[in-house]
Amino acid sequence: MKKIEVFNKNHPEKVGYRLDEKSAILITYPDSIVNREAPLKTLKGFLSEYIGDAINTIHILPFFPYSSDDGFSVIDYKRVNPSVGTWEDVNRLSEEYYLMFDAVINHISAKSKWFRAFLDGSPRYRDYFITEDPETDLSGVTRPRALPLLTEFETSDGKQYLWTTFSEDQIDLNFKSAKLFLEITDTLIFYVKNGASLIRLDAIGYLWKEIGTKCIHHRLTHEIVKLFRDILDALNKTVLIVTETNVPHHENISYFGNGHDEAHMVYNFSLPPLIMNAYLQRTSIHLEEWIQSLDYPSDDSTFFNFLASHDGIGIMPVKGMLDQEEINALIERTENNGGQISYKTNQDGTKSPYELNINYFDALYNESSSLKDNILKFIGAYCIAFSLKGIPGLYIHSLLGSRNWYRGVEITGQNRAINREKLQYDELTTELNDQASFRSRIFRRMKALLGIRKEHNAFSPLSEQRVIPYRKELLILERCSDDETIFCIVNLSSDEFQVNIEEITGKSHVLDLITRRKFETTLTVLPYEYLWLQ
């Protein structure tokens, strides 16, 4: 089989993707920024003018024709939604940036050709979907939503009940079908040919269904991921698989496999709620314990460290890490700051909080603090994420200093819309060009941190990481490569503290890479301050 080389003009020395300090991923919808042209063209223009090489990878959230869920109910896997652009626009983006595509393969739209053909009785698509007797006991199946698991449809063979994990418009696919598996495999290869350097397996944990099991993290789901990796490795050794499993941490990391045979990266879902808790409680204790427990199974795999995304802040990933009182405090802060709470159905039929739907700046916001301190807190949170071992992910609305979009929730009736605003290009750029504006203050600080990070191999996923306990209001993290050591210090509180430099670093002189200030002997860490000491 001829190998497909993923080539990037911005990095002619590289074939494919590398896990190193130069990698940072911007998460965006194809139409997060709109102008008087195809949004993918607007995105490329914005990246060229404002981002440059501060970020090297763009995760374009589903850009295919869809019928619901802001793109995650795909009608056709191989077409670009005409409302956002063309494959030519995608390919042009791939000339300047590495791209991550979504493989939304647990389910497909009820309006897709595949499902319509199934309803019409087409033999080809008969086993592409999962039918089930509504009398079957499915109470043990893990439910991510407070919605029915089976949906009734009228087919050429009469009424049938189809498996719909996420909604009645998202019909689960049947991976017991060899034809379906080959069809999906062909789709993944098609994505690589059209510019994907990374492939994100959306909601992959629910892929394999077997009555009598929880139908999540099934051993055959893991085998499917391994098969996908084998197939992509046969095409190009550097196409990366990223798994998205918003579940408790020990379940999430199971998708690393042995470190060489499943995901190259897994979403670090515990990080957003842990950092939110750290600022709310003014303590690094839980965060430190968790960082110290992290296991990096190989040099071929690492965490995708993000704080905000197109979805909300998951609560399940910190199950067992935070107690109920602390989780209740997160929920209360979210509601007080204008956010919403989404719920899931438990096995006993009860409902429990599943996700905090709120913009991340607003999640951390404290009305008793000044705007300056709230900005410092927000950037400090990302300083932690950028410092941790792994690849940082930055949602476009965090980069651009967006706030809660209440109008979106009103329009769509969906809680998640609160962090999915469509920004007008002219208005956005006017704000970014005004250095006194809120957006510009956030944007310039974020971009500066990313620029510093990519120049220091101490931030490589291959470099060592160590927590230095000092006092609970401070998180101190050491990153160490063969030729340099950097200490990340973040103040989680509104108080200032004296730090003995030599006690922490073993040196009497240090340089803060962010402000270029030099310190000797002692350092005063100001409220919500963040530093990278070399």
Protein backbone atom coordinates (compact mmCIF):
# COMPACT_ATOMS: atom_id res chain seq x y z
CA MET A 1 0.00 0.00 0.00
CA LYS A 2 1.37 3.42 -0.95
CA LYS A 3 1.96 5.64 2.07
CA ILE A 4 0.16 8.96 2.35
CA GLU A 5 2.41 11.70 3.63
CA VAL A 6 0.83 14.47 5.64
CA PHE A 7 2.92 17.47 4.66
CA ASN A 8 2.76 20.95 6.14
CA LYS A 9 4.27 23.93 4.33
CA ASN A 10 4.75 25.75 7.61
CA HIS A 11 7.00 22.92 8.79
CA PRO A 12 8.83 21.50 5.75
CA GLU A 13 11.14 19.51 8.01
CA LYS A 14 8.20 17.49 9.35
CA VAL A 15 6.17 14.73 7.84
CA GLY A 16 3.08 14.29 9.93
CA TYR A 17 2.58 15.31 13.53
CA ARG A 18 4.98 15.38 16.44
CA LEU A 19 4.27 15.48 20.14
CA ASP A 20 6.56 18.31 21.22
CA GLU A 21 6.64 21.76 22.82
CA LYS A 22 5.82 23.44 19.51
CA SER A 23 2.42 21.79 19.34
CA ALA A 24 -0.67 23.67 20.52
CA ILE A 25 -4.22 23.11 19.29
CA LEU A 26 -6.87 25.76 18.67
CA ILE A 27 -10.43 24.37 18.89
CA THR A 28 -12.97 26.17 16.73
CA TYR A 29 -16.15 25.69 14.79
CA PRO A 30 -15.71 26.38 11.07
CA ASP A 31 -18.04 29.36 11.51
CA SER A 32 -17.03 30.66 14.95
CA ILE A 33 -15.98 33.82 13.08
CA VAL A 34 -18.22 34.99 10.23
CA ASN A 35 -17.84 37.62 7.54
CA ARG A 36 -19.14 38.21 4.03
CA GLU A 37 -17.62 35.02 2.62
CA ALA A 38 -17.40 31.29 3.31
CA PRO A 39 -16.50 30.95 7.03
CA LEU A 40 -13.57 28.61 6.31
CA LYS A 41 -12.04 31.40 4.21
CA THR A 42 -12.66 33.85 7.05
CA LEU A 43 -11.03 31.45 9.49
CA LYS A 44 -7.93 31.14 7.32
CA GLY A 45 -7.67 34.89 6.94
CA PHE A 46 -8.05 35.45 10.68
CA LEU A 47 -5.42 32.83 11.49
CA SER A 48 -2.98 34.34 9.02
CA GLU A 49 -3.43 37.90 10.28
CA TYR A 50 -3.78 37.39 14.03
CA ILE A 51 -2.45 33.96 15.03
CA GLY A 52 0.49 33.23 12.75
CA ASP A 53 2.72 30.50 14.16
CA ALA A 54 1.74 30.99 17.82
CA ILE A 55 -0.43 27.90 17.28
CA ASN A 56 0.43 25.13 14.84
CA THR A 57 -2.74 23.00 14.89
CA ILE A 58 -6.40 23.74 14.27
CA HIS A 59 -9.17 21.43 15.44
CA ILE A 60 -12.03 22.31 13.11
CA LEU A 61 -15.18 21.01 14.78
CA PRO A 62 -17.49 19.11 12.38
CA PHE A 63 -17.68 20.97 9.08
CA PHE A 64 -19.93 18.42 7.36
CA PRO A 65 -23.64 18.76 6.48
CA TYR A 66 -25.61 18.12 9.66
CA SER A 67 -29.14 18.12 11.03
CA SER A 68 -28.65 18.92 14.75
CA ASP A 69 -26.25 19.19 17.71
CA ASP A 70 -24.18 21.95 16.07
CA GLY A 71 -22.54 19.54 13.64
CA PHE A 72 -22.40 16.32 15.66
CA SER A 73 -25.32 14.76 13.81
CA VAL A 74 -23.57 14.27 10.47
CA ILE A 75 -25.59 13.78 7.30
CA ASP A 76 -22.64 13.03 5.00
CA TYR A 77 -19.14 12.24 6.27
CA LYS A 78 -17.42 13.09 2.99
CA ARG A 79 -18.97 16.43 2.10
CA VAL A 80 -18.13 19.89 3.40
CA ASN A 81 -21.21 21.82 4.47
CA PRO A 82 -21.69 24.31 1.59
CA SER A 83 -22.60 26.99 4.13
CA VAL A 84 -19.03 26.98 5.51
CA GLY A 85 -16.94 26.30 2.39
CA THR A 86 -15.41 23.55 0.30
CA TRP A 87 -12.75 20.85 0.51
CA GLU A 88 -10.47 23.29 -1.29
CA ASP A 89 -10.84 25.68 1.68
CA VAL A 90 -9.98 22.84 4.09
CA ASN A 91 -6.96 21.85 2.01
CA ARG A 92 -5.69 25.43 1.97
CA LEU A 93 -5.86 25.52 5.75
CA SER A 94 -3.85 22.28 5.89
CA GLU A 95 -1.05 23.97 3.93
CA GLU A 96 -0.43 26.35 6.82
CA TYR A 97 -1.58 24.37 9.87
CA TYR A 98 -1.90 20.82 11.03
CA LEU A 99 -5.59 19.93 11.17
CA MET A 100 -7.65 17.75 13.48
CA PHE A 101 -10.90 16.36 12.04
CA ASP A 102 -13.79 14.88 13.99
CA ALA A 103 -14.76 11.29 13.24
CA VAL A 104 -18.33 11.32 14.57
CA ILE A 105 -18.74 7.60 14.12
CA ASN A 106 -20.76 6.41 17.10
CA HIS A 107 -23.83 7.72 15.28
CA ILE A 108 -25.04 9.40 12.12
CA SER A 109 -27.92 11.74 11.34
CA ALA A 110 -31.45 10.39 10.95
CA LYS A 111 -31.48 12.46 7.75
CA SER A 112 -28.41 10.74 6.28
CA LYS A 113 -28.60 8.72 3.08
CA TRP A 114 -27.57 5.63 5.03
CA PHE A 115 -30.45 5.82 7.48
CA ARG A 116 -33.06 6.83 4.91
CA ALA A 117 -32.04 3.80 2.85
CA PHE A 118 -32.35 1.63 5.95
CA LEU A 119 -35.89 2.92 6.54
CA ASP A 120 -36.72 2.10 2.91
CA GLY A 121 -35.52 -1.49 3.38
CA SER A 122 -32.29 -1.32 1.32
CA PRO A 123 -30.40 -4.61 1.82
CA ARG A 124 -27.05 -2.78 1.77
CA TYR A 125 -27.84 -0.75 4.87
CA ARG A 126 -29.95 -3.31 6.75
CA ASP A 127 -27.23 -4.08 9.30
CA TYR A 128 -25.73 -0.57 9.56
CA PHE A 129 -27.93 0.23 12.56
CA ILE A 130 -29.00 -1.41 15.80
CA THR A 131 -32.61 -2.47 16.31
CA GLU A 132 -33.83 -3.66 19.69
CA ASP A 133 -37.00 -5.03 21.27
CA PRO A 134 -38.39 -2.24 23.48
CA GLU A 135 -39.18 -4.87 26.13
CA THR A 136 -35.48 -5.70 26.54
CA ASP A 137 -34.08 -4.75 29.91
CA LEU A 138 -31.62 -1.92 29.15
CA SER A 139 -31.52 -0.51 32.66
CA GLY A 140 -27.84 -1.43 33.03
CA VAL A 141 -26.77 0.61 30.00
CA THR A 142 -24.75 3.73 30.85
CA ARG A 143 -26.69 6.84 29.81
CA PRO A 144 -24.90 10.11 29.00
CA ARG A 145 -28.16 12.02 28.60
CA ALA A 146 -31.57 12.21 30.26
CA LEU A 147 -33.25 10.94 27.05
CA PRO A 148 -34.76 7.60 25.89
CA LEU A 149 -32.21 5.05 24.70
CA LEU A 150 -34.46 3.64 21.94
CA THR A 151 -36.42 5.65 19.38
CA GLU A 152 -39.37 4.34 17.35
CA PHE A 153 -39.22 4.67 13.55
CA GLU A 154 -41.58 3.57 10.79
CA THR A 155 -39.69 1.38 8.30
CA SER A 156 -40.63 -0.65 5.22
CA ASP A 157 -40.85 -3.62 7.62
CA GLY A 158 -43.11 -1.79 10.08
CA LYS A 159 -42.29 -0.14 13.38
CA GLN A 160 -38.76 -0.70 14.65
CA TYR A 161 -36.91 0.63 17.66
CA LEU A 162 -33.44 2.03 16.94
CA TRP A 163 -30.59 2.57 19.38
CA THR A 164 -30.10 6.34 19.87
CA THR A 165 -27.61 7.02 22.66
CA PHE A 166 -27.56 10.80 22.32
CA SER A 167 -30.80 11.90 20.62
CA GLU A 168 -33.56 10.73 18.29
CA ASP A 169 -31.70 12.46 15.44
CA GLN A 170 -28.42 10.65 16.13
CA ILE A 171 -28.76 6.98 15.14
CA ASP A 172 -26.08 4.69 16.56
CA LEU A 173 -24.03 2.71 14.06
CA ASN A 174 -23.59 -1.05 14.25
CA PHE A 175 -19.90 -1.97 14.27
CA LYS A 176 -20.77 -5.65 14.27
CA SER A 177 -21.35 -5.10 10.55
CA ALA A 178 -18.18 -5.69 8.51
CA LYS A 179 -19.56 -3.50 5.73
CA LEU A 180 -20.12 -0.64 8.15
CA PHE A 181 -16.64 -1.02 9.61
CA LEU A 182 -15.09 -0.86 6.12
CA GLU A 183 -17.22 2.16 5.25
CA ILE A 184 -16.00 4.01 8.35
CA THR A 185 -12.40 2.94 7.69
CA ASP A 186 -12.66 4.33 4.17
CA THR A 187 -13.91 7.59 5.69
CA LEU A 188 -10.90 7.87 8.01
CA ILE A 189 -8.52 7.28 5.09
CA PHE A 190 -10.42 9.92 3.12
CA TYR A 191 -9.85 12.40 5.98
CA VAL A 192 -6.11 11.73 5.96
CA LYS A 193 -5.97 12.26 2.20
CA ASN A 194 -7.75 15.58 2.67
CA GLY A 195 -5.46 17.11 5.27
CA ALA A 196 -6.15 15.47 8.65
CA SER A 197 -3.03 15.03 10.76
CA LEU A 198 -5.08 14.13 13.83
CA ILE A 199 -8.42 12.32 14.02
CA ARG A 200 -10.65 12.83 17.04
CA LEU A 201 -12.88 9.86 17.81
CA ASP A 202 -16.00 11.53 19.16
CA ALA A 203 -17.94 9.76 21.95
CA ILE A 204 -15.92 6.64 21.16
CA GLY A 205 -16.63 4.98 24.53
CA TYR A 206 -20.19 4.09 23.50
CA LEU A 207 -19.26 2.40 20.21
CA TRP A 208 -19.90 -1.30 20.92
CA LYS A 209 -23.25 -2.48 22.28
CA GLU A 210 -23.84 -5.80 23.98
CA ILE A 211 -26.96 -6.54 26.00
CA GLY A 212 -26.05 -7.42 29.57
CA THR A 213 -23.12 -4.97 29.67
CA LYS A 214 -22.96 -1.24 30.42
CA CYS A 215 -22.31 -0.65 26.69
CA ILE A 216 -19.48 1.74 27.50
CA HIS A 217 -15.74 1.02 27.25
CA HIS A 218 -16.52 -2.46 25.95
CA ARG A 219 -13.39 -4.51 25.25
CA LEU A 220 -14.37 -4.60 21.56
CA THR A 221 -14.55 -0.82 21.49
CA HIS A 222 -10.90 -0.83 22.50
CA GLU A 223 -10.18 -3.39 19.79
CA ILE A 224 -11.82 -1.13 17.20
CA VAL A 225 -9.61 1.78 18.28
CA LYS A 226 -6.57 -0.50 17.97
CA LEU A 227 -7.65 -1.51 14.48
CA PHE A 228 -8.03 2.12 13.47
CA ARG A 229 -4.54 2.84 14.75
CA ASP A 230 -3.07 -0.12 12.86
CA ILE A 231 -4.75 1.03 9.66
CA LEU A 232 -3.61 4.65 10.03
CA ASP A 233 -0.10 3.49 10.92
CA ALA A 234 -0.05 1.55 7.65
CA LEU A 235 -0.78 4.79 5.82
CA ASN A 236 1.44 7.15 7.76
CA LYS A 237 3.14 6.58 11.11
CA THR A 238 2.37 10.10 12.26
CA VAL A 239 -1.40 10.43 11.92
CA LEU A 240 -2.58 10.71 15.51
CA ILE A 241 -5.72 9.32 17.12
CA VAL A 242 -7.34 11.42 19.86
CA THR A 243 -10.11 9.86 21.97
CA GLU A 244 -12.92 11.87 23.53
CA THR A 245 -14.37 10.12 26.58
CA ASN A 246 -15.94 12.42 29.16
CA VAL A 247 -15.90 9.89 32.00
CA PRO A 248 -14.12 9.29 35.34
CA HIS A 249 -10.35 9.60 35.00
CA HIS A 250 -9.45 5.91 35.40
CA GLU A 251 -11.86 5.03 32.58
CA ASN A 252 -10.63 7.85 30.38
CA ILE A 253 -6.97 6.81 30.49
CA SER A 254 -7.85 3.22 29.52
CA TYR A 255 -7.82 4.50 25.91
CA PHE A 256 -4.05 4.84 26.04
CA GLY A 257 -3.99 1.04 25.84
CA ASN A 258 -0.42 -0.05 26.49
CA GLY A 259 0.85 3.34 25.34
CA HIS A 260 1.55 2.19 21.79
CA ASP A 261 -1.59 0.52 20.49
CA GLU A 262 -4.59 2.82 21.07
CA ALA A 263 -4.91 6.62 21.37
CA HIS A 264 -1.93 8.91 20.96
CA MET A 265 -3.80 11.51 23.02
CA VAL A 266 -6.74 11.44 25.40
CA TYR A 267 -8.69 14.49 26.52
CA ASN A 268 -7.67 15.43 30.05
CA PHE A 269 -11.26 15.86 31.23
CA SER A 270 -10.38 16.09 34.92
CA LEU A 271 -8.35 19.26 34.43
CA PRO A 272 -11.14 21.87 33.86
CA PRO A 273 -13.17 21.09 37.01
CA LEU A 274 -10.03 20.58 39.13
CA ILE A 275 -8.65 24.00 38.22
CA MET A 276 -12.07 25.59 38.74
CA ASN A 277 -12.19 23.98 42.19
CA ALA A 278 -8.62 25.07 42.97
CA TYR A 279 -9.47 28.75 42.43
CA LEU A 280 -12.83 28.48 44.16
CA GLN A 281 -11.36 26.81 47.26
CA ARG A 282 -8.02 28.68 47.09
CA THR A 283 -6.09 25.45 47.36
CA SER A 284 -3.81 23.37 45.15
CA ILE A 285 -4.15 20.20 47.23
CA HIS A 286 -6.48 18.19 44.94
CA LEU A 287 -4.71 19.46 41.85
CA GLU A 288 -1.30 18.50 43.21
CA GLU A 289 -2.45 15.03 44.24
CA TRP A 290 -3.94 14.43 40.83
CA ILE A 291 -0.89 15.69 38.90
CA GLN A 292 1.34 13.45 40.97
CA SER A 293 -0.87 10.48 40.14
CA LEU A 294 -0.77 11.00 36.37
CA ASP A 295 0.75 8.14 34.43
CA TYR A 296 2.24 8.71 31.00
CA PRO A 297 2.45 5.23 29.51
CA SER A 298 4.91 5.94 26.68
CA ASP A 299 6.65 8.57 24.58
CA ASP A 300 4.06 7.83 21.89
CA SER A 301 1.11 9.05 23.94
CA THR A 302 0.16 12.00 26.11
CA PHE A 303 -2.72 14.10 27.45
CA PHE A 304 -4.64 16.75 25.56
CA ASN A 305 -4.76 19.48 28.21
CA PHE A 306 -7.75 21.77 27.76
CA LEU A 307 -9.96 23.90 30.02
CA ALA A 308 -12.83 24.91 27.74
CA SER A 309 -14.36 23.48 24.61
CA HIS A 310 -17.55 23.56 22.56
CA ASP A 311 -19.08 21.41 25.31
CA GLY A 312 -19.31 22.17 29.03
CA ILE A 313 -17.20 21.32 32.06
CA GLY A 314 -17.74 17.67 32.88
CA ILE A 315 -18.40 16.67 36.49
CA MET A 316 -18.00 12.91 36.08
CA PRO A 317 -14.22 13.13 35.48
CA VAL A 318 -13.65 14.30 39.08
CA LYS A 319 -15.82 11.64 40.62
CA GLY A 320 -13.85 10.31 43.60
CA MET A 321 -11.44 13.27 43.51
CA LEU A 322 -13.74 15.99 44.86
CA ASP A 323 -16.29 15.38 47.59
CA GLN A 324 -19.98 16.18 47.14
CA GLU A 325 -19.68 19.49 48.99
CA GLU A 326 -16.96 20.65 46.59
CA ILE A 327 -18.97 19.52 43.56
CA ASN A 328 -22.01 21.35 44.91
CA ALA A 329 -19.85 24.48 45.21
CA LEU A 330 -18.93 24.19 41.51
CA ILE A 331 -22.61 23.87 40.62
CA GLU A 332 -23.52 26.85 42.81
CA ARG A 333 -20.77 29.02 41.27
CA THR A 334 -21.94 28.07 37.78
CA GLU A 335 -25.56 28.98 38.50
CA ASN A 336 -24.61 32.21 40.30
CA ASN A 337 -22.49 33.26 37.32
CA GLY A 338 -25.23 32.73 34.75
CA GLY A 339 -24.45 29.15 33.67
CA GLN A 340 -26.69 26.10 33.30
CA ILE A 341 -26.46 22.52 34.58
CA SER A 342 -27.04 19.50 32.32
CA TYR A 343 -28.18 16.16 33.75
CA LYS A 344 -27.82 12.47 32.92
CA THR A 345 -30.05 9.49 33.76
CA ASN A 346 -28.68 6.97 36.27
CA GLN A 347 -29.32 3.22 36.23
CA ASP A 348 -32.01 3.58 38.92
CA GLY A 349 -33.87 6.16 36.84
CA THR A 350 -32.77 9.16 38.89
CA LYS A 351 -30.95 12.11 37.36
CA SER A 352 -27.65 13.64 38.42
CA PRO A 353 -25.56 16.64 37.27
CA TYR A 354 -23.40 15.74 34.32
CA GLU A 355 -21.98 18.98 32.94
CA LEU A 356 -21.54 22.66 33.81
CA ASN A 357 -22.51 24.78 30.82
CA ILE A 358 -20.71 28.09 31.14
CA ASN A 359 -17.95 30.09 29.49
CA TYR A 360 -14.70 29.30 31.35
CA PHE A 361 -13.91 32.94 32.18
CA ASP A 362 -17.35 33.22 33.77
CA ALA A 363 -16.83 29.90 35.57
CA LEU A 364 -13.82 31.41 37.38
CA TYR A 365 -15.27 34.91 37.72
CA ASN A 366 -15.62 36.39 41.19
CA GLU A 367 -17.78 39.51 41.36
CA SER A 368 -15.99 40.71 44.50
CA SER A 369 -12.67 40.84 42.62
CA SER A 370 -11.52 43.53 40.20
CA LEU A 371 -11.59 42.90 36.45
CA LYS A 372 -7.78 42.94 36.51
CA ASP A 373 -7.70 40.13 39.08
CA ASN A 374 -10.32 38.13 37.20
CA ILE A 375 -8.21 38.39 34.03
CA LEU A 376 -5.10 37.33 35.94
CA LYS A 377 -6.99 34.36 37.36
CA PHE A 378 -8.21 33.30 33.90
CA ILE A 379 -4.78 33.53 32.26
CA GLY A 380 -3.24 31.84 35.31
CA ALA A 381 -5.58 28.89 34.82
CA TYR A 382 -4.34 28.54 31.24
CA CYS A 383 -0.75 28.97 32.42
CA ILE A 384 -1.30 25.79 34.44
CA ALA A 385 -2.74 23.97 31.42
CA PHE A 386 0.12 25.16 29.20
CA SER A 387 2.68 24.06 31.81
CA LEU A 388 1.43 20.52 32.33
CA LYS A 389 2.97 17.61 30.53
CA GLY A 390 0.96 17.08 27.34
CA ILE A 391 -0.33 19.09 24.39
CA PRO A 392 -2.34 22.23 25.23
CA GLY A 393 -5.75 22.79 23.68
CA LEU A 394 -7.26 26.28 23.55
CA TYR A 395 -10.91 26.92 22.66
CA ILE A 396 -11.33 29.92 20.40
CA HIS A 397 -13.67 31.68 22.83
CA SER A 398 -11.05 31.44 25.58
CA LEU A 399 -8.39 32.84 23.25
CA LEU A 400 -10.68 35.71 22.24
CA GLY A 401 -12.01 36.59 25.67
CA SER A 402 -15.65 35.71 25.04
CA ARG A 403 -18.23 35.68 27.82
CA ASN A 404 -21.51 33.81 28.39
CA TRP A 405 -23.68 33.97 25.27
CA TYR A 406 -27.16 34.02 26.78
CA ARG A 407 -28.80 34.89 23.48
CA GLY A 408 -27.56 31.61 22.04
CA VAL A 409 -29.30 29.62 24.76
CA GLU A 410 -32.53 31.55 24.11
CA ILE A 411 -32.35 30.95 20.35
CA THR A 412 -31.45 27.25 20.43
CA GLY A 413 -32.88 26.10 23.74
CA GLN A 414 -29.56 24.28 24.26
CA ASN A 415 -27.44 24.83 27.37
CA ARG A 416 -24.18 24.30 25.49
CA ALA A 417 -24.91 27.25 23.19
CA ILE A 418 -23.78 29.52 26.04
CA ASN A 419 -20.19 29.02 24.86
CA ARG A 420 -20.76 28.77 21.10
CA GLU A 421 -21.21 32.36 19.99
CA LYS A 422 -20.74 33.28 16.32
CA LEU A 423 -18.46 36.33 16.21
CA GLN A 424 -18.68 39.01 13.52
CA TYR A 425 -15.24 39.46 11.97
CA ASP A 426 -15.31 43.26 11.76
CA GLU A 427 -16.50 43.70 15.34
CA LEU A 428 -14.01 41.13 16.63
CA THR A 429 -10.99 42.62 14.89
CA THR A 430 -11.94 46.13 15.98
CA GLU A 431 -11.86 44.94 19.59
CA LEU A 432 -8.61 43.01 19.15
CA ASN A 433 -6.95 46.07 17.63
CA ASP A 434 -7.97 48.16 20.64
CA GLN A 435 -5.33 47.28 23.24
CA ALA A 436 -7.52 48.61 26.05
CA SER A 437 -10.42 46.29 25.22
CA PHE A 438 -11.21 43.21 27.28
CA ARG A 439 -10.80 40.87 24.30
CA SER A 440 -7.45 42.34 23.38
CA ARG A 441 -6.12 42.05 26.93
CA ILE A 442 -7.02 38.35 27.01
CA PHE A 443 -5.85 37.62 23.46
CA ARG A 444 -2.43 39.27 23.78
CA ARG A 445 -1.62 37.49 27.04
CA MET A 446 -2.71 34.10 25.73
CA LYS A 447 -0.70 34.53 22.54
CA ALA A 448 2.36 35.67 24.50
CA LEU A 449 2.25 32.55 26.70
CA LEU A 450 1.93 30.29 23.67
CA GLY A 451 4.85 32.07 21.99
CA ILE A 452 7.09 31.52 25.01
CA ARG A 453 6.02 27.93 25.49
CA LYS A 454 6.95 26.73 22.03
CA GLU A 455 10.52 27.99 22.39
CA HIS A 456 11.34 25.87 25.46
CA ASN A 457 11.77 22.12 25.32
CA ALA A 458 11.17 21.90 29.06
CA PHE A 459 7.50 22.04 28.01
CA SER A 460 7.83 19.02 25.73
CA PRO A 461 5.56 16.08 26.60
CA LEU A 462 8.78 14.10 26.85
CA SER A 463 10.23 16.34 29.58
CA GLU A 464 9.97 15.48 33.26
CA GLN A 465 7.28 16.90 35.54
CA ARG A 466 7.30 17.31 39.32
CA VAL A 467 4.99 19.00 41.82
CA ILE A 468 6.74 21.04 44.53
CA PRO A 469 4.51 21.35 47.62
CA TYR A 470 4.99 24.75 49.24
CA ARG A 471 1.74 26.20 50.53
CA LYS A 472 -1.81 25.36 49.54
CA GLU A 473 -2.55 28.71 47.84
CA LEU A 474 0.31 28.19 45.37
CA LEU A 475 0.68 25.58 42.67
CA ILE A 476 4.36 25.07 41.87
CA LEU A 477 5.29 22.76 39.03
CA GLU A 478 8.78 21.88 37.79
CA ARG A 479 9.31 20.97 34.13
CA CYS A 480 12.76 19.64 33.29
CA SER A 481 14.45 18.60 30.04
CA ASP A 482 18.09 17.65 29.44
CA ASP A 483 19.19 21.26 29.01
CA GLU A 484 16.75 23.45 30.95
CA THR A 485 14.42 23.61 33.92
CA ILE A 486 11.36 25.87 34.24
CA PHE A 487 9.28 26.38 37.36
CA CYS A 488 5.62 27.32 36.98
CA ILE A 489 4.22 29.23 39.96
CA VAL A 490 0.54 30.17 40.05
CA ASN A 491 -1.17 31.98 42.92
CA LEU A 492 -4.69 30.63 43.35
CA SER A 493 -5.68 33.34 45.81
CA SER A 494 -6.14 37.08 46.26
CA ASP A 495 -3.30 37.22 48.82
CA GLU A 496 0.41 37.74 48.18
CA PHE A 497 3.14 35.42 49.44
CA GLN A 498 6.89 35.48 49.92
CA VAL A 499 8.69 32.59 48.23
CA ASN A 500 12.26 31.53 48.97
CA ILE A 501 13.71 31.09 45.50
CA GLU A 502 16.60 28.87 46.49
CA GLU A 503 14.31 26.60 48.51
CA ILE A 504 12.24 25.93 45.40
CA THR A 505 14.74 26.08 42.53
CA GLY A 506 18.07 25.32 44.19
CA LYS A 507 19.36 28.58 42.67
CA SER A 508 19.61 32.11 44.07
CA HIS A 509 18.90 33.86 40.76
CA VAL A 510 15.96 33.28 38.41
CA LEU A 511 14.37 34.94 35.37
CA ASP A 512 10.62 35.13 34.81
CA LEU A 513 10.16 34.26 31.13
CA ILE A 514 6.80 36.04 31.02
CA THR A 515 7.76 39.51 32.31
CA ARG A 516 11.57 39.19 31.83
CA ARG A 517 12.04 40.25 35.47
CA LYS A 518 15.02 38.91 37.42
CA PHE A 519 14.75 37.82 41.06
CA GLU A 520 17.30 37.09 43.75
CA THR A 521 16.84 35.17 47.00
CA THR A 522 13.14 35.90 47.54
CA LEU A 523 10.12 36.51 45.36
CA THR A 524 6.80 38.14 46.20
CA VAL A 525 4.01 36.33 44.36
CA LEU A 526 1.19 38.82 43.86
CA PRO A 527 -2.54 37.98 43.93
CA TYR A 528 -3.43 35.57 41.09
CA GLU A 529 0.03 36.04 39.59
CA TYR A 530 1.53 33.39 37.31
CA LEU A 531 5.24 32.98 36.52
CA TRP A 532 7.57 30.79 34.48
CA LEU A 533 10.92 30.91 36.28
CA GLN A 534 14.06 29.79 34.47
